[in-house]
């Protein structure tokens, strides 16, 4: 069955979490316990739920954790867009937006196969 590292959806979710951490580095320091923390936790929750579900070795449990990852993805997408409206992004965020969309499609596709 391989490892979770072999899953493209995990690799993309991991890259998304890394990008979010880098982007939020430039957020206002007053947001460290607010949107910065929440956005980081939501984005990191996507790959960690894939890892945890994959470790369970049961399709039913994996599907449950992918469902949780889908919820974290929705939270990440909302918070990312909200922070963009606040003009917290000081870099071009189009690559991150594309990756958010790609991860969402991949998660949903993975969920449907389980």
N, C-alpha and C. Protein backbone atom coordinates (compact mmCIF):
# COMPACT_ATOMS: atom_id res chain seq x y z
N UNK A 1 0.82 -1.19 0.00
CA UNK A 1 0.00 0.00 0.00
C UNK A 1 0.86 1.26 0.00
N UNK A 2 2.14 1.15 0.31
CA UNK A 2 3.01 2.32 0.31
C UNK A 2 2.84 3.15 1.58
N UNK A 3 3.33 4.37 1.51
CA UNK A 3 3.20 5.27 2.65
C UNK A 3 2.43 6.52 2.22
N UNK A 4 2.03 7.31 3.19
CA UNK A 4 1.31 8.55 2.87
C UNK A 4 2.17 9.48 2.02
N UNK A 5 3.50 9.37 2.15
CA UNK A 5 4.40 10.20 1.33
C UNK A 5 4.23 9.94 -0.16
N UNK A 6 3.73 8.76 -0.51
CA UNK A 6 3.53 8.41 -1.91
C UNK A 6 2.29 9.06 -2.50
N UNK A 7 1.41 9.56 -1.65
CA UNK A 7 0.16 10.16 -2.12
C UNK A 7 0.41 11.58 -2.63
N UNK A 8 0.03 11.83 -3.86
CA UNK A 8 0.20 13.18 -4.44
C UNK A 8 -0.61 14.18 -3.63
N UNK A 9 -1.79 13.78 -3.19
CA UNK A 9 -2.63 14.70 -2.40
C UNK A 9 -1.92 15.10 -1.11
N UNK A 10 -1.20 14.19 -0.49
CA UNK A 10 -0.43 14.54 0.70
C UNK A 10 0.68 15.51 0.34
N UNK A 11 1.41 15.22 -0.73
CA UNK A 11 2.53 16.08 -1.14
C UNK A 11 2.05 17.51 -1.41
N UNK A 12 0.91 17.64 -2.09
CA UNK A 12 0.36 18.97 -2.39
C UNK A 12 -0.13 19.66 -1.11
N UNK A 13 -0.78 18.92 -0.22
CA UNK A 13 -1.25 19.49 1.04
C UNK A 13 -0.08 19.94 1.91
N UNK A 14 0.98 19.17 1.90
CA UNK A 14 2.19 19.52 2.65
C UNK A 14 2.80 20.81 2.10
N UNK A 15 2.85 20.92 0.77
CA UNK A 15 3.38 22.13 0.14
C UNK A 15 2.50 23.33 0.46
N UNK A 16 1.19 23.13 0.47
CA UNK A 16 0.28 24.22 0.82
C UNK A 16 0.53 24.71 2.24
N UNK A 17 0.66 23.80 3.18
CA UNK A 17 0.92 24.19 4.57
C UNK A 17 2.22 24.99 4.67
N UNK A 18 3.24 24.55 3.96
CA UNK A 18 4.52 25.26 3.95
C UNK A 18 4.36 26.67 3.38
N UNK A 19 3.63 26.80 2.28
CA UNK A 19 3.40 28.11 1.69
C UNK A 19 2.63 29.03 2.64
N UNK A 20 1.64 28.48 3.30
CA UNK A 20 0.85 29.29 4.25
C UNK A 20 1.74 29.77 5.39
N UNK A 21 2.60 28.92 5.90
CA UNK A 21 3.52 29.35 6.97
C UNK A 21 4.39 30.50 6.50
N UNK A 22 4.89 30.40 5.27
CA UNK A 22 5.76 31.46 4.74
C UNK A 22 4.98 32.76 4.54
N UNK A 23 3.77 32.66 4.00
CA UNK A 23 2.95 33.85 3.76
C UNK A 23 2.60 34.54 5.07
N UNK A 24 2.23 33.76 6.07
CA UNK A 24 1.79 34.35 7.34
C UNK A 24 2.93 34.95 8.15
N UNK A 25 4.16 34.67 7.75
CA UNK A 25 5.32 35.31 8.40
C UNK A 25 5.25 36.83 8.31
N UNK A 26 4.62 37.32 7.25
CA UNK A 26 4.57 38.76 7.03
C UNK A 26 3.28 39.40 7.57
N UNK A 27 2.41 38.60 8.17
CA UNK A 27 1.18 39.16 8.73
C UNK A 27 1.51 40.06 9.92
N UNK A 28 0.64 41.00 10.24
CA UNK A 28 0.90 41.89 11.38
C UNK A 28 1.12 41.10 12.68
N UNK A 29 2.05 41.55 13.48
CA UNK A 29 2.36 40.85 14.73
C UNK A 29 1.15 40.80 15.67
N UNK A 30 0.25 41.76 15.53
CA UNK A 30 -0.96 41.76 16.34
C UNK A 30 -1.90 40.61 16.01
N UNK A 31 -1.65 39.93 14.91
CA UNK A 31 -2.48 38.80 14.50
C UNK A 31 -1.89 37.44 14.88
N UNK A 32 -0.78 37.45 15.59
CA UNK A 32 -0.09 36.19 15.90
C UNK A 32 -1.00 35.18 16.61
N UNK A 33 -1.90 35.67 17.48
CA UNK A 33 -2.81 34.77 18.17
C UNK A 33 -4.18 34.74 17.52
N UNK A 34 -4.33 35.45 16.42
CA UNK A 34 -5.60 35.51 15.70
C UNK A 34 -5.52 34.75 14.40
N UNK A 35 -5.66 35.48 13.31
CA UNK A 35 -5.76 34.85 12.00
C UNK A 35 -4.49 34.09 11.61
N UNK A 36 -3.32 34.58 12.03
CA UNK A 36 -2.07 33.88 11.70
C UNK A 36 -2.09 32.47 12.27
N UNK A 37 -2.39 32.37 13.55
CA UNK A 37 -2.42 31.07 14.22
C UNK A 37 -3.51 30.17 13.64
N UNK A 38 -4.68 30.72 13.42
CA UNK A 38 -5.79 29.92 12.93
C UNK A 38 -5.55 29.42 11.51
N UNK A 39 -5.01 30.29 10.65
CA UNK A 39 -4.72 29.90 9.28
C UNK A 39 -3.62 28.84 9.23
N UNK A 40 -2.62 29.00 10.06
CA UNK A 40 -1.55 28.00 10.10
C UNK A 40 -2.08 26.65 10.58
N UNK A 41 -2.87 26.66 11.65
CA UNK A 41 -3.42 25.40 12.18
C UNK A 41 -4.33 24.72 11.17
N UNK A 42 -5.18 25.50 10.50
CA UNK A 42 -6.10 24.92 9.52
C UNK A 42 -5.33 24.29 8.36
N UNK A 43 -4.33 25.02 7.84
CA UNK A 43 -3.58 24.49 6.70
C UNK A 43 -2.75 23.27 7.08
N UNK A 44 -2.18 23.26 8.26
CA UNK A 44 -1.37 22.12 8.71
C UNK A 44 -2.25 20.92 9.03
N UNK A 45 -3.50 21.18 9.37
CA UNK A 45 -4.43 20.10 9.67
C UNK A 45 -4.75 19.24 8.44
N UNK A 46 -4.62 19.82 7.27
CA UNK A 46 -4.93 19.04 6.06
C UNK A 46 -3.95 17.87 5.90
N UNK A 47 -2.63 18.11 5.81
CA UNK A 47 -1.73 16.96 5.66
C UNK A 47 -1.68 16.08 6.90
N UNK A 48 -1.83 16.65 8.09
CA UNK A 48 -1.75 15.80 9.29
C UNK A 48 -2.94 14.86 9.40
N UNK A 49 -4.10 15.28 8.92
CA UNK A 49 -5.24 14.37 8.91
C UNK A 49 -5.09 13.28 7.86
N UNK A 50 -4.44 13.60 6.74
CA UNK A 50 -4.14 12.56 5.76
C UNK A 50 -3.20 11.53 6.39
N UNK A 51 -2.17 12.00 7.08
CA UNK A 51 -1.21 11.11 7.74
C UNK A 51 -1.92 10.24 8.77
N UNK A 52 -2.72 10.86 9.62
CA UNK A 52 -3.39 10.10 10.67
C UNK A 52 -4.36 9.07 10.10
N UNK A 53 -5.13 9.48 9.11
CA UNK A 53 -6.07 8.55 8.49
C UNK A 53 -5.36 7.40 7.80
N UNK A 54 -4.28 7.70 7.14
CA UNK A 54 -3.51 6.68 6.43
C UNK A 54 -2.90 5.68 7.42
N UNK A 55 -2.54 6.17 8.59
CA UNK A 55 -1.93 5.30 9.60
C UNK A 55 -2.92 4.32 10.21
N UNK A 56 -4.21 4.60 10.08
CA UNK A 56 -5.23 3.75 10.70
C UNK A 56 -5.42 2.42 9.98
N UNK A 57 -5.02 2.34 8.73
CA UNK A 57 -5.05 1.10 7.94
C UNK A 57 -6.46 0.55 7.70
N UNK A 58 -7.45 1.41 7.79
CA UNK A 58 -8.82 1.00 7.46
C UNK A 58 -9.43 2.07 6.57
N UNK A 59 -10.09 1.62 5.50
CA UNK A 59 -10.68 2.58 4.56
C UNK A 59 -11.72 3.46 5.24
N UNK A 60 -12.49 2.88 6.14
CA UNK A 60 -13.53 3.65 6.82
C UNK A 60 -12.92 4.78 7.64
N UNK A 61 -11.87 4.48 8.39
CA UNK A 61 -11.22 5.51 9.19
C UNK A 61 -10.48 6.52 8.31
N UNK A 62 -9.84 6.04 7.25
CA UNK A 62 -9.17 6.96 6.33
C UNK A 62 -10.18 7.94 5.74
N UNK A 63 -11.34 7.44 5.34
CA UNK A 63 -12.37 8.30 4.78
C UNK A 63 -12.81 9.36 5.79
N UNK A 64 -12.92 8.96 7.05
CA UNK A 64 -13.30 9.90 8.11
C UNK A 64 -12.26 11.02 8.24
N UNK A 65 -10.99 10.67 8.21
CA UNK A 65 -9.94 11.68 8.35
C UNK A 65 -9.80 12.55 7.09
N UNK A 66 -10.09 11.99 5.93
CA UNK A 66 -10.08 12.81 4.71
C UNK A 66 -11.25 13.79 4.77
N UNK A 67 -12.37 13.37 5.34
CA UNK A 67 -13.50 14.27 5.53
C UNK A 67 -13.12 15.43 6.45
N UNK A 68 -12.39 15.14 7.50
CA UNK A 68 -11.90 16.19 8.41
C UNK A 68 -10.94 17.11 7.65
N UNK A 69 -10.07 16.53 6.83
CA UNK A 69 -9.13 17.33 6.03
C UNK A 69 -9.89 18.25 5.07
N UNK A 70 -11.00 17.78 4.53
CA UNK A 70 -11.83 18.63 3.67
C UNK A 70 -12.37 19.83 4.44
N UNK A 71 -12.77 19.61 5.69
CA UNK A 71 -13.23 20.71 6.53
C UNK A 71 -12.11 21.70 6.81
N UNK A 72 -10.92 21.20 7.08
CA UNK A 72 -9.76 22.06 7.31
C UNK A 72 -9.40 22.83 6.05
N UNK A 73 -9.56 22.18 4.91
CA UNK A 73 -9.31 22.85 3.63
C UNK A 73 -10.26 24.02 3.45
N UNK A 74 -11.55 23.81 3.74
CA UNK A 74 -12.54 24.89 3.62
C UNK A 74 -12.19 26.05 4.54
N UNK A 75 -11.76 25.73 5.76
CA UNK A 75 -11.35 26.76 6.72
C UNK A 75 -10.12 27.52 6.20
N UNK A 76 -9.15 26.79 5.66
CA UNK A 76 -7.95 27.41 5.11
C UNK A 76 -8.31 28.36 3.97
N UNK A 77 -9.17 27.89 3.08
CA UNK A 77 -9.56 28.71 1.92
C UNK A 77 -10.24 30.00 2.39
N UNK A 78 -11.16 29.88 3.34
CA UNK A 78 -11.85 31.06 3.84
C UNK A 78 -10.87 32.03 4.49
N UNK A 79 -10.04 31.53 5.40
CA UNK A 79 -9.10 32.41 6.12
C UNK A 79 -8.09 33.05 5.18
N UNK A 80 -7.66 32.30 4.18
CA UNK A 80 -6.73 32.85 3.19
C UNK A 80 -7.39 34.02 2.46
N UNK A 81 -8.62 33.81 2.01
CA UNK A 81 -9.34 34.88 1.29
C UNK A 81 -9.65 36.06 2.21
N UNK A 82 -9.98 35.78 3.46
CA UNK A 82 -10.25 36.84 4.42
C UNK A 82 -9.01 37.69 4.66
N UNK A 83 -7.88 37.02 4.84
CA UNK A 83 -6.62 37.75 5.07
C UNK A 83 -6.21 38.53 3.82
N UNK A 84 -6.58 38.02 2.66
CA UNK A 84 -6.30 38.76 1.42
C UNK A 84 -7.14 40.04 1.38
N UNK A 85 -8.38 39.96 1.81
CA UNK A 85 -9.24 41.15 1.86
C UNK A 85 -8.70 42.18 2.84
N UNK A 86 -8.03 41.70 3.87
CA UNK A 86 -7.40 42.61 4.83
C UNK A 86 -6.06 43.15 4.31
N UNK A 87 -5.66 42.71 3.15
CA UNK A 87 -4.40 43.09 2.50
C UNK A 87 -3.17 42.69 3.33
N UNK A 88 -3.27 41.52 3.94
CA UNK A 88 -2.15 41.00 4.72
C UNK A 88 -1.11 40.32 3.84
N UNK A 89 -1.47 39.96 2.63
CA UNK A 89 -0.54 39.28 1.72
C UNK A 89 0.33 40.34 1.05
N UNK A 90 1.61 40.27 1.29
CA UNK A 90 2.49 41.25 0.66
C UNK A 90 3.17 40.69 -0.59
N UNK A 91 2.86 39.45 -0.93
CA UNK A 91 3.43 38.82 -2.12
C UNK A 91 2.29 38.46 -3.06
N UNK A 92 2.66 38.10 -4.27
CA UNK A 92 1.66 37.58 -5.21
C UNK A 92 1.15 36.26 -4.65
N UNK A 93 -0.12 36.19 -4.40
CA UNK A 93 -0.69 35.00 -3.77
C UNK A 93 -1.39 34.07 -4.76
N UNK A 94 -1.26 34.32 -6.05
CA UNK A 94 -1.98 33.51 -7.04
C UNK A 94 -1.53 32.05 -7.03
N UNK A 95 -0.23 31.79 -6.80
CA UNK A 95 0.24 30.41 -6.73
C UNK A 95 -0.38 29.67 -5.55
N UNK A 96 -0.50 30.36 -4.43
CA UNK A 96 -1.12 29.75 -3.26
C UNK A 96 -2.60 29.51 -3.50
N UNK A 97 -3.26 30.46 -4.13
CA UNK A 97 -4.69 30.29 -4.44
C UNK A 97 -4.89 29.10 -5.35
N UNK A 98 -4.05 28.94 -6.35
CA UNK A 98 -4.13 27.80 -7.26
C UNK A 98 -3.91 26.50 -6.50
N UNK A 99 -2.94 26.49 -5.59
CA UNK A 99 -2.65 25.29 -4.82
C UNK A 99 -3.81 24.96 -3.88
N UNK A 100 -4.42 25.96 -3.29
CA UNK A 100 -5.60 25.72 -2.44
C UNK A 100 -6.68 25.03 -3.24
N UNK A 101 -6.95 25.53 -4.44
CA UNK A 101 -7.98 24.92 -5.30
C UNK A 101 -7.60 23.50 -5.70
N UNK A 102 -6.33 23.30 -6.06
CA UNK A 102 -5.87 21.97 -6.47
C UNK A 102 -5.99 20.96 -5.33
N UNK A 103 -5.58 21.35 -4.14
CA UNK A 103 -5.68 20.46 -2.98
C UNK A 103 -7.14 20.11 -2.72
N UNK A 104 -8.03 21.08 -2.83
CA UNK A 104 -9.45 20.81 -2.62
C UNK A 104 -10.00 19.79 -3.61
N UNK A 105 -9.66 19.96 -4.88
CA UNK A 105 -10.11 19.00 -5.90
C UNK A 105 -9.54 17.61 -5.63
N UNK A 106 -8.26 17.56 -5.27
CA UNK A 106 -7.62 16.27 -5.02
C UNK A 106 -8.20 15.57 -3.80
N UNK A 107 -8.43 16.34 -2.73
CA UNK A 107 -9.02 15.76 -1.52
C UNK A 107 -10.40 15.19 -1.82
N UNK A 108 -11.20 15.96 -2.54
CA UNK A 108 -12.56 15.52 -2.87
C UNK A 108 -12.49 14.26 -3.74
N UNK A 109 -11.60 14.24 -4.71
CA UNK A 109 -11.44 13.06 -5.55
C UNK A 109 -11.00 11.85 -4.76
N UNK A 110 -10.07 12.04 -3.85
CA UNK A 110 -9.58 10.95 -3.00
C UNK A 110 -10.72 10.43 -2.11
N UNK A 111 -11.47 11.36 -1.54
CA UNK A 111 -12.59 10.99 -0.68
C UNK A 111 -13.60 10.11 -1.44
N UNK A 112 -13.90 10.50 -2.67
CA UNK A 112 -14.89 9.75 -3.47
C UNK A 112 -14.40 8.34 -3.82
N UNK A 113 -13.08 8.14 -3.87
CA UNK A 113 -12.58 6.80 -4.21
C UNK A 113 -12.60 5.84 -3.03
N UNK A 114 -12.77 6.38 -1.84
CA UNK A 114 -12.72 5.52 -0.65
C UNK A 114 -14.05 4.84 -0.36
